[in-house]
Structure formats: structure tokens, C-alpha cells
Amino acid sequence: MISKSKYIQAFFLGKMDYLSGMNLQEKINSLIYSDKFNETILFLEHDNVFTYGSKEKISSLEIEKLNETNMDFQHIRTNRGGQITLHSPGQLICYPIINLKNHFNGVLDYVKFLENIIIETLNSYKIKSHTVQNRRGIWVNGNPDEEYHENKNPSGEKIAALGLKIIRNITLHGFSLNVNNDLKLFDLFVPCGMPNLKVTSISNLLGKPTNIKEVAQNLSLSMSENFQIPIEFNTDINKIGVKVD
């Protein structure tokens, strides 16, 4: 991994509407591209929202099933890669907005970095986790060495999902990590295109609620150690320097 930056800022924003978060990402992305803003990592939660990757298709039957829940879900098609996923309160979202060329030898190098950060952070909670072959994201209680089968889910339970977009070498989107969120909501759809996918969360594995801001701080610390540059962790949204809609 390369590291040309001297400073990265991180913000824990609490709960934010998905479209407002997307708008904020795009503003910062443009400013970083123009060399007018520090590289930034956003940590936040979203209200109930289903998001779809740019090439993802969802059936009218699935939408009807979701609407029957009467839980005020938003349905939003995004410009990220990846398939349908769910964001809801208690799930930690991480949006690194950084210049890929300052730190990595390509997109795959960046993906591996994010996966490693999640694994290191979970390990700090004494949760062993791993990647699986030909799948993006992080699993627990599975076999990291099992062979890939296209029509068979990996063993274990998924705890984190990735979905990325790169615009002019500046990153958008990132990953979601299940912390305290309602796992029953994943039964309402086919997450990540894998029917009957088992999911879990940090609080489910530990048997008690987990401080979501603390998890964000631990992720930020792991990123700082891997980048070998300081990352200032902020909770004051007024310090971000960009208007939040």
C-alpha cells in the first residue's frame, strides 16, 4: 500500500437520510478532486432504506413484499457496484472519500484494505471473521478456505457488505457493518443476491448492545495504523466544512 497523504479527517455524523448522505459524499468527492478538501471518512447510520447497485434488477414481487411491511422503507437506485442491500438504524455505514492513487495500487488493493480493516476491528471485539472466495464482504463462523460455488451460499454468517464507486480516482460509498441493527429485516428480501443468506451483527455475537460510535472510532484507528498517517476523529458535524442538506 502507498501513502502520499499526510492527514485524513473522519466524522461520526449519527443518523442521516440516505440521499443527504449521498449528496454530502458527492460534494466532498468533487472538492477532493479539485484539491480543495482533505481526504475524508464519513461514519453514519441511515433510516430504513433498500439500495440497489447500478446494474441490479429487483422484481415487482419483491417490491410489493417490501411495501407490505408498512415500515416506511425508501427504495433508492445508486451509482455504486454491488447488489440489493439494506441499511437501517444500528448498522454502521463507512464512506471513505479518498484519492485512490494516494494509497493503493488499484481498486482490488483498496477492496482488500477495507476488508482487512473490518476484520481487524472485529478482532478487537474478540470476533474472528474472514473473507470468502469470489465474494465481497466479511463473514463469521464459516470456513475461509471453502471452495466457491456459484449457486451455494458460503458457510457462516455475513456481517459486513461492500459496495464501491470510483469517480476520477476519488472513492465513493464503502461498506456497512452490522452492529445493533434488526437482523429480521434481512428476511424481507434477497440480500446481496444470495437467497437464504444468513446474517449476524456484533451485538448478536456478543449477546449485548454495542456502542456504535466506539466501533467507528476503532475502525478509524485501524485505518490510521494501516495508512500510517494520523486520522482525526470528529463528532461535531459543524467542523466538516461542507453544508449538510
C-alpha atoms as a PDB file:
ATOM      1  CA  MET A   1       0.000   0.000   0.000  1.00  0.00           C
ATOM      2  CA  ILE A   2       1.215   3.502  -0.896  1.00  0.00           C
ATOM      3  CA  SER A   3       0.525   6.543   1.281  1.00  0.00           C
ATOM      4  CA  LYS A   4       1.085  10.075  -0.042  1.00  0.00           C
ATOM      5  CA  SER A   5      -1.404  11.883   2.195  1.00  0.00           C
ATOM      6  CA  LYS A   6      -0.283  13.468   5.458  1.00  0.00           C
ATOM      7  CA  TYR A   7      -3.689  13.847   7.056  1.00  0.00           C
ATOM      8  CA  ILE A   8      -7.194  12.372   6.798  1.00  0.00           C
ATOM      9  CA  GLN A   9     -10.253  13.586   8.683  1.00  0.00           C
ATOM     10  CA  ALA A  10     -13.035  11.325   9.941  1.00  0.00           C
ATOM     11  CA  PHE A  11     -16.524  12.297  11.092  1.00  0.00           C
ATOM     12  CA  PHE A  12     -19.170  10.394  13.008  1.00  0.00           C
ATOM     13  CA  LEU A  13     -22.410  12.009  11.817  1.00  0.00           C
ATOM     14  CA  GLY A  14     -25.009   9.926  13.647  1.00  0.00           C
ATOM     15  CA  LYS A  15     -28.233   9.195  11.770  1.00  0.00           C
ATOM     16  CA  MET A  16     -28.648  10.771   8.337  1.00  0.00           C
ATOM     17  CA  ASP A  17     -31.113  10.373   5.492  1.00  0.00           C
ATOM     18  CA  TYR A  18     -29.608   8.255   2.684  1.00  0.00           C
ATOM     19  CA  LEU A  19     -29.977  10.885  -0.056  1.00  0.00           C
ATOM     20  CA  SER A  20     -28.487  13.582   2.183  1.00  0.00           C
ATOM     21  CA  GLY A  21     -25.536  11.280   2.842  1.00  0.00           C
ATOM     22  CA  MET A  22     -25.147  10.630  -0.876  1.00  0.00           C
ATOM     23  CA  ASN A  23     -25.240  14.347  -1.625  1.00  0.00           C
ATOM     24  CA  LEU A  24     -22.609  15.039   1.033  1.00  0.00           C
ATOM     25  CA  GLN A  25     -20.344  12.331  -0.380  1.00  0.00           C
ATOM     26  CA  GLU A  26     -20.582  13.785  -3.887  1.00  0.00           C
ATOM     27  CA  LYS A  27     -19.785  17.319  -2.678  1.00  0.00           C
ATOM     28  CA  ILE A  28     -16.694  16.122  -0.829  1.00  0.00           C
ATOM     29  CA  ASN A  29     -15.673  13.902  -3.754  1.00  0.00           C
ATOM     30  CA  SER A  30     -15.714  16.897  -6.098  1.00  0.00           C
ATOM     31  CA  LEU A  31     -13.785  19.105  -3.658  1.00  0.00           C
ATOM     32  CA  ILE A  32     -11.093  16.458  -3.131  1.00  0.00           C
ATOM     33  CA  TYR A  33     -10.731  16.051  -6.880  1.00  0.00           C
ATOM     34  CA  SER A  34     -10.200  19.828  -7.149  1.00  0.00           C
ATOM     35  CA  ASP A  35      -7.623  19.705  -4.334  1.00  0.00           C
ATOM     36  CA  LYS A  36      -9.795  21.932  -2.138  1.00  0.00           C
ATOM     37  CA  PHE A  37     -10.584  19.493   0.667  1.00  0.00           C
ATOM     38  CA  ASN A  38      -8.852  16.937   2.870  1.00  0.00           C
ATOM     39  CA  GLU A  39      -9.491  13.268   2.264  1.00  0.00           C
ATOM     40  CA  THR A  40     -12.428  12.339   4.472  1.00  0.00           C
ATOM     41  CA  ILE A  41     -14.047   9.291   6.047  1.00  0.00           C
ATOM     42  CA  LEU A  42     -17.726   9.504   6.987  1.00  0.00           C
ATOM     43  CA  PHE A  43     -19.311   7.231   9.602  1.00  0.00           C
ATOM     44  CA  LEU A  44     -23.094   7.311   9.971  1.00  0.00           C
ATOM     45  CA  GLU A  45     -26.363   5.427  10.225  1.00  0.00           C
ATOM     46  CA  HIS A  46     -29.301   5.524   7.814  1.00  0.00           C
ATOM     47  CA  ASP A  47     -33.041   5.195   8.324  1.00  0.00           C
ATOM     48  CA  ASN A  48     -34.670   2.134   6.724  1.00  0.00           C
ATOM     49  CA  VAL A  49     -33.636   2.116   3.068  1.00  0.00           C
ATOM     50  CA  PHE A  50     -33.070  -0.504   0.386  1.00  0.00           C
ATOM     51  CA  THR A  51     -30.390   0.436  -2.116  1.00  0.00           C
ATOM     52  CA  TYR A  52     -29.664  -1.187  -5.443  1.00  0.00           C
ATOM     53  CA  GLY A  53     -26.414  -1.235  -7.393  1.00  0.00           C
ATOM     54  CA  SER A  54     -26.351   0.478 -10.783  1.00  0.00           C
ATOM     55  CA  LYS A  55     -26.945  -2.818 -12.622  1.00  0.00           C
ATOM     56  CA  GLU A  56     -29.160  -4.553 -10.086  1.00  0.00           C
ATOM     57  CA  LYS A  57     -32.659  -5.662 -11.005  1.00  0.00           C
ATOM     58  CA  ILE A  58     -35.490  -6.113  -8.499  1.00  0.00           C
ATOM     59  CA  SER A  59     -38.772  -7.807  -9.269  1.00  0.00           C
ATOM     60  CA  SER A  60     -42.176  -6.171  -8.762  1.00  0.00           C
ATOM     61  CA  LEU A  61     -42.980  -9.084  -6.423  1.00  0.00           C
ATOM     62  CA  GLU A  62     -40.067  -8.171  -4.143  1.00  0.00           C
ATOM     63  CA  ILE A  63     -41.104  -4.518  -4.079  1.00  0.00           C
ATOM     64  CA  GLU A  64     -44.698  -5.494  -3.276  1.00  0.00           C
ATOM     65  CA  LYS A  65     -43.485  -7.713  -0.430  1.00  0.00           C
ATOM     66  CA  LEU A  66     -41.385  -4.888   0.968  1.00  0.00           C
ATOM     67  CA  ASN A  67     -44.226  -2.386   0.751  1.00  0.00           C
ATOM     68  CA  GLU A  68     -46.497  -4.739   2.689  1.00  0.00           C
ATOM     69  CA  THR A  69     -44.333  -4.314   5.781  1.00  0.00           C
ATOM     70  CA  ASN A  70     -45.579  -0.739   6.305  1.00  0.00           C
ATOM     71  CA  MET A  71     -42.192   0.213   7.733  1.00  0.00           C
ATOM     72  CA  ASP A  72     -41.594   3.269   5.529  1.00  0.00           C
ATOM     73  CA  PHE A  73     -38.684   1.842   3.584  1.00  0.00           C
ATOM     74  CA  GLN A  74     -37.106   4.016   0.936  1.00  0.00           C
ATOM     75  CA  HIS A  75     -36.091   2.330  -2.332  1.00  0.00           C
ATOM     76  CA  ILE A  76     -33.123   4.004  -3.999  1.00  0.00           C
ATOM     77  CA  ARG A  77     -31.041   3.019  -7.026  1.00  0.00           C
ATOM     78  CA  THR A  78     -27.469   4.174  -6.533  1.00  0.00           C
ATOM     79  CA  ASN A  79     -24.365   4.529  -8.691  1.00  0.00           C
ATOM     80  CA  ARG A  80     -22.349   2.012  -6.649  1.00  0.00           C
ATOM     81  CA  GLY A  81     -21.469  -1.508  -7.620  1.00  0.00           C
ATOM     82  CA  GLY A  82     -22.987  -4.487  -5.860  1.00  0.00           C
ATOM     83  CA  GLN A  83     -26.487  -5.826  -5.441  1.00  0.00           C
ATOM     84  CA  ILE A  84     -29.503  -5.018  -3.285  1.00  0.00           C
ATOM     85  CA  THR A  85     -28.762  -4.323   0.354  1.00  0.00           C
ATOM     86  CA  LEU A  86     -30.447  -2.894   3.413  1.00  0.00           C
ATOM     87  CA  HIS A  87     -29.435  -0.008   5.641  1.00  0.00           C
ATOM     88  CA  SER A  88     -31.249   0.572   8.924  1.00  0.00           C
ATOM     89  CA  PRO A  89     -30.609   2.135  12.348  1.00  0.00           C
ATOM     90  CA  GLY A  90     -27.939   0.291  14.301  1.00  0.00           C
ATOM     91  CA  GLN A  91     -25.949  -0.584  11.184  1.00  0.00           C
ATOM     92  CA  LEU A  92     -22.712   1.387  10.867  1.00  0.00           C
ATOM     93  CA  ILE A  93     -22.009   2.867   7.430  1.00  0.00           C
ATOM     94  CA  CYS A  94     -18.493   3.885   6.412  1.00  0.00           C
ATOM     95  CA  TYR A  95     -17.912   6.111   3.379  1.00  0.00           C
ATOM     96  CA  PRO A  96     -14.180   6.719   2.767  1.00  0.00           C
ATOM     97  CA  ILE A  97     -13.732   9.554   0.258  1.00  0.00           C
ATOM     98  CA  ILE A  98     -10.084   9.412  -0.673  1.00  0.00           C
ATOM     99  CA  ASN A  99      -7.787   9.618  -3.669  1.00  0.00           C
ATOM    100  CA  LEU A 100      -7.164   6.018  -4.691  1.00  0.00           C
ATOM    101  CA  LYS A 101      -3.772   6.863  -6.247  1.00  0.00           C
ATOM    102  CA  ASN A 102      -2.517   8.318  -2.975  1.00  0.00           C
ATOM    103  CA  HIS A 103      -2.777   4.987  -1.183  1.00  0.00           C
ATOM    104  CA  PHE A 104      -3.427   1.959  -3.371  1.00  0.00           C
ATOM    105  CA  ASN A 105      -2.282   0.028  -6.418  1.00  0.00           C
ATOM    106  CA  GLY A 106      -5.752  -0.157  -7.912  1.00  0.00           C
ATOM    107  CA  VAL A 107      -9.302  -0.944  -6.853  1.00  0.00           C
ATOM    108  CA  LEU A 108      -8.663  -4.549  -5.750  1.00  0.00           C
ATOM    109  CA  ASP A 109      -5.918  -3.341  -3.402  1.00  0.00           C
ATOM    110  CA  TYR A 110      -8.433  -0.901  -1.917  1.00  0.00           C
ATOM    111  CA  VAL A 111     -11.116  -3.575  -1.505  1.00  0.00           C
ATOM    112  CA  LYS A 112      -8.670  -5.838   0.327  1.00  0.00           C
ATOM    113  CA  PHE A 113      -7.725  -2.917   2.561  1.00  0.00           C
ATOM    114  CA  LEU A 114     -11.360  -2.303   3.566  1.00  0.00           C
ATOM    115  CA  GLU A 115     -11.950  -5.988   4.241  1.00  0.00           C
ATOM    116  CA  ASN A 116      -8.810  -6.165   6.379  1.00  0.00           C
ATOM    117  CA  ILE A 117      -9.873  -3.081   8.375  1.00  0.00           C
ATOM    118  CA  ILE A 118     -13.203  -4.717   9.205  1.00  0.00           C
ATOM    119  CA  ILE A 119     -11.512  -7.990  10.191  1.00  0.00           C
ATOM    120  CA  GLU A 120      -9.034  -6.152  12.459  1.00  0.00           C
ATOM    121  CA  THR A 121     -11.815  -4.151  14.105  1.00  0.00           C
ATOM    122  CA  LEU A 122     -13.958  -7.231  14.747  1.00  0.00           C
ATOM    123  CA  ASN A 123     -10.917  -8.928  16.219  1.00  0.00           C
ATOM    124  CA  SER A 124     -10.701  -6.116  18.793  1.00  0.00           C
ATOM    125  CA  TYR A 125     -14.112  -7.373  19.997  1.00  0.00           C
ATOM    126  CA  LYS A 126     -12.744 -10.936  20.060  1.00  0.00           C
ATOM    127  CA  ILE A 127     -14.819 -11.795  16.976  1.00  0.00           C
ATOM    128  CA  LYS A 128     -12.974 -13.915  14.419  1.00  0.00           C
ATOM    129  CA  SER A 129     -14.006 -13.109  10.858  1.00  0.00           C
ATOM    130  CA  HIS A 130     -12.871 -13.759   7.323  1.00  0.00           C
ATOM    131  CA  THR A 131     -13.405 -13.247   3.611  1.00  0.00           C
ATOM    132  CA  VAL A 132     -14.641 -15.979   1.268  1.00  0.00           C
ATOM    133  CA  GLN A 133     -13.594 -16.866  -2.256  1.00  0.00           C
ATOM    134  CA  ASN A 134     -15.126 -14.806  -5.081  1.00  0.00           C
ATOM    135  CA  ARG A 135     -17.471 -12.937  -2.725  1.00  0.00           C
ATOM    136  CA  ARG A 136     -17.155  -9.439  -1.358  1.00  0.00           C
ATOM    137  CA  GLY A 137     -17.785  -8.764   2.305  1.00  0.00           C
ATOM    138  CA  ILE A 138     -16.943 -10.287   5.674  1.00  0.00           C
ATOM    139  CA  TRP A 139     -18.246 -13.495   7.267  1.00  0.00           C
ATOM    140  CA  VAL A 140     -18.055 -15.104  10.706  1.00  0.00           C
ATOM    141  CA  ASN A 141     -18.417 -18.721  11.862  1.00  0.00           C
ATOM    142  CA  GLY A 142     -17.609 -20.030   8.381  1.00  0.00           C
ATOM    143  CA  ASN A 143     -14.742 -21.662   6.540  1.00  0.00           C
ATOM    144  CA  PRO A 144     -12.412 -19.141   4.850  1.00  0.00           C
ATOM    145  CA  ASP A 145     -10.866 -21.932   2.765  1.00  0.00           C
ATOM    146  CA  GLU A 146     -14.038 -23.457   1.334  1.00  0.00           C
ATOM    147  CA  GLU A 147     -14.357 -23.597  -2.448  1.00  0.00           C
ATOM    148  CA  TYR A 148     -16.603 -21.167  -4.286  1.00  0.00           C
ATOM    149  CA  HIS A 149     -19.906 -22.473  -5.652  1.00  0.00           C
ATOM    150  CA  GLU A 150     -21.962 -20.075  -7.745  1.00  0.00           C
ATOM    151  CA  ASN A 151     -25.362 -21.333  -6.574  1.00  0.00           C
ATOM    152  CA  LYS A 152     -24.422 -22.096  -2.982  1.00  0.00           C
ATOM    153  CA  ASN A 153     -24.026 -19.616  -0.142  1.00  0.00           C
ATOM    154  CA  PRO A 154     -20.785 -19.672   1.831  1.00  0.00           C
ATOM    155  CA  SER A 155     -20.940 -21.269   5.258  1.00  0.00           C
ATOM    156  CA  GLY A 156     -21.235 -18.969   8.220  1.00  0.00           C
ATOM    157  CA  GLU A 157     -22.989 -15.623   8.552  1.00  0.00           C
ATOM    158  CA  LYS A 158     -22.340 -12.343   6.767  1.00  0.00           C
ATOM    159  CA  ILE A 159     -21.641  -9.356   8.993  1.00  0.00           C
ATOM    160  CA  ALA A 160     -20.389  -6.701   6.559  1.00  0.00           C
ATOM    161  CA  ALA A 161     -21.074  -5.763   2.936  1.00  0.00           C
ATOM    162  CA  LEU A 162     -19.106  -3.667   0.442  1.00  0.00           C
ATOM    163  CA  GLY A 163     -20.238  -1.539  -2.491  1.00  0.00           C
ATOM    164  CA  LEU A 164     -17.962   0.988  -4.207  1.00  0.00           C
ATOM    165  CA  LYS A 165     -17.842   3.688  -6.852  1.00  0.00           C
ATOM    166  CA  ILE A 166     -14.707   5.429  -8.134  1.00  0.00           C
ATOM    167  CA  ILE A 167     -15.010   8.802  -9.899  1.00  0.00           C
ATOM    168  CA  ARG A 168     -11.787  10.236 -11.349  1.00  0.00           C
ATOM    169  CA  ASN A 169      -9.776   8.155  -8.851  1.00  0.00           C
ATOM    170  CA  ILE A 170     -11.757   9.524  -5.871  1.00  0.00           C
ATOM    171  CA  THR A 171     -13.743   6.910  -3.943  1.00  0.00           C
ATOM    172  CA  LEU A 172     -17.445   6.922  -3.059  1.00  0.00           C
ATOM    173  CA  HIS A 173     -19.649   4.597  -0.981  1.00  0.00           C
ATOM    174  CA  GLY A 174     -17.808   1.966   1.065  1.00  0.00           C
ATOM    175  CA  PHE A 175     -19.119  -0.648   3.472  1.00  0.00           C
ATOM    176  CA  SER A 176     -21.816  -1.409   6.020  1.00  0.00           C
ATOM    177  CA  LEU A 177     -21.144  -3.275   9.265  1.00  0.00           C
ATOM    178  CA  ASN A 178     -23.971  -4.802  11.287  1.00  0.00           C
ATOM    179  CA  VAL A 179     -23.674  -3.590  14.879  1.00  0.00           C
ATOM    180  CA  ASN A 180     -27.053  -3.301  16.633  1.00  0.00           C
ATOM    181  CA  ASN A 181     -29.478  -3.416  13.694  1.00  0.00           C
ATOM    182  CA  ASP A 182     -32.632  -5.548  13.407  1.00  0.00           C
ATOM    183  CA  LEU A 183     -31.494  -8.691  11.572  1.00  0.00           C
ATOM    184  CA  LYS A 184     -35.065  -9.850  10.915  1.00  0.00           C
ATOM    185  CA  LEU A 185     -35.329  -7.174   8.211  1.00  0.00           C
ATOM    186  CA  PHE A 186     -32.954  -9.203   6.039  1.00  0.00           C
ATOM    187  CA  ASP A 187     -35.695 -11.845   5.714  1.00  0.00           C
ATOM    188  CA  LEU A 188     -37.754  -9.399   3.632  1.00  0.00           C
ATOM    189  CA  PHE A 189     -35.531  -9.594   0.535  1.00  0.00           C
ATOM    190  CA  VAL A 190     -32.638 -11.450  -1.091  1.00  0.00           C
ATOM    191  CA  PRO A 191     -29.543  -9.722   0.339  1.00  0.00           C
ATOM    192  CA  CYS A 192     -26.544  -9.408  -1.976  1.00  0.00           C
ATOM    193  CA  GLY A 193     -28.294 -11.681  -4.494  1.00  0.00           C
ATOM    194  CA  MET A 194     -27.904 -14.725  -2.222  1.00  0.00           C
ATOM    195  CA  PRO A 195     -31.212 -16.417  -1.254  1.00  0.00           C
ATOM    196  CA  ASN A 196     -31.437 -17.548   2.379  1.00  0.00           C
ATOM    197  CA  LEU A 197     -28.230 -15.738   3.262  1.00  0.00           C
ATOM    198  CA  LYS A 198     -27.503 -15.906   6.988  1.00  0.00           C
ATOM    199  CA  VAL A 199     -26.521 -12.597   8.583  1.00  0.00           C
ATOM    200  CA  THR A 200     -25.377 -11.526  12.031  1.00  0.00           C
ATOM    201  CA  SER A 201     -24.194  -8.469  13.946  1.00  0.00           C
ATOM    202  CA  ILE A 202     -21.658  -7.525  16.594  1.00  0.00           C
ATOM    203  CA  SER A 203     -24.333  -7.264  19.312  1.00  0.00           C
ATOM    204  CA  ASN A 204     -25.847 -10.587  18.266  1.00  0.00           C
ATOM    205  CA  LEU A 205     -22.467 -12.298  18.577  1.00  0.00           C
ATOM    206  CA  LEU A 206     -21.581 -10.618  21.882  1.00  0.00           C
ATOM    207  CA  GLY A 207     -25.046 -11.013  23.366  1.00  0.00           C
ATOM    208  CA  LYS A 208     -25.301  -7.339  24.328  1.00  0.00           C
ATOM    209  CA  PRO A 209     -25.686  -3.914  22.666  1.00  0.00           C
ATOM    210  CA  THR A 210     -22.524  -2.334  21.300  1.00  0.00           C
ATOM    211  CA  ASN A 211     -21.647   1.367  21.212  1.00  0.00           C
ATOM    212  CA  ILE A 212     -21.777   2.190  17.504  1.00  0.00           C
ATOM    213  CA  LYS A 213     -19.634   5.346  17.838  1.00  0.00           C
ATOM    214  CA  GLU A 214     -16.974   3.260  19.576  1.00  0.00           C
ATOM    215  CA  VAL A 215     -16.976   0.830  16.634  1.00  0.00           C
ATOM    216  CA  ALA A 216     -16.494   3.789  14.270  1.00  0.00           C
ATOM    217  CA  GLN A 217     -13.565   5.004  16.387  1.00  0.00           C
ATOM    218  CA  ASN A 218     -11.974   1.556  16.280  1.00  0.00           C
ATOM    219  CA  LEU A 219     -12.359   1.380  12.503  1.00  0.00           C
ATOM    220  CA  SER A 220     -10.799   4.841  12.214  1.00  0.00           C
ATOM    221  CA  LEU A 221      -7.883   3.785  14.424  1.00  0.00           C
ATOM    222  CA  SER A 222      -7.284   0.666  12.328  1.00  0.00           C
ATOM    223  CA  MET A 223      -7.309   2.755   9.147  1.00  0.00           C
ATOM    224  CA  SER A 224      -4.830   5.208  10.661  1.00  0.00           C
ATOM    225  CA  GLU A 225      -2.480   2.393  11.660  1.00  0.00           C
ATOM    226  CA  ASN A 226      -2.639   0.813   8.206  1.00  0.00           C
ATOM    227  CA  PHE A 227      -2.245   4.127   6.359  1.00  0.00           C
ATOM    228  CA  GLN A 228       0.495   5.078   8.860  1.00  0.00           C
ATOM    229  CA  ILE A 229      -0.862   8.623   8.923  1.00  0.00           C
ATOM    230  CA  PRO A 230      -2.994  10.408  11.542  1.00  0.00           C
ATOM    231  CA  ILE A 231      -6.772  10.375  11.204  1.00  0.00           C
ATOM    232  CA  GLU A 232      -8.607  12.945  13.325  1.00  0.00           C
ATOM    233  CA  PHE A 233     -11.938  11.529  14.566  1.00  0.00           C
ATOM    234  CA  ASN A 234     -14.657  14.188  14.950  1.00  0.00           C
ATOM    235  CA  THR A 235     -18.226  14.074  16.228  1.00  0.00           C
ATOM    236  CA  ASP A 236     -19.029  17.758  15.586  1.00  0.00           C
ATOM    237  CA  ILE A 237     -20.775  17.948  12.213  1.00  0.00           C
ATOM    238  CA  ASN A 238     -20.185  21.721  12.151  1.00  0.00           C
ATOM    239  CA  LYS A 239     -16.452  21.102  11.689  1.00  0.00           C
ATOM    240  CA  ILE A 240     -16.926  19.222   8.440  1.00  0.00           C
ATOM    241  CA  GLY A 241     -16.633  22.376   6.333  1.00  0.00           C
ATOM    242  CA  VAL A 242     -19.321  21.398   3.833  1.00  0.00           C
ATOM    243  CA  LYS A 243     -23.006  22.274   4.010  1.00  0.00           C
ATOM    244  CA  VAL A 244     -25.052  19.243   5.027  1.00  0.00           C
ATOM    245  CA  ASP A 245     -28.512  19.286   3.461  1.00  0.00           C
END
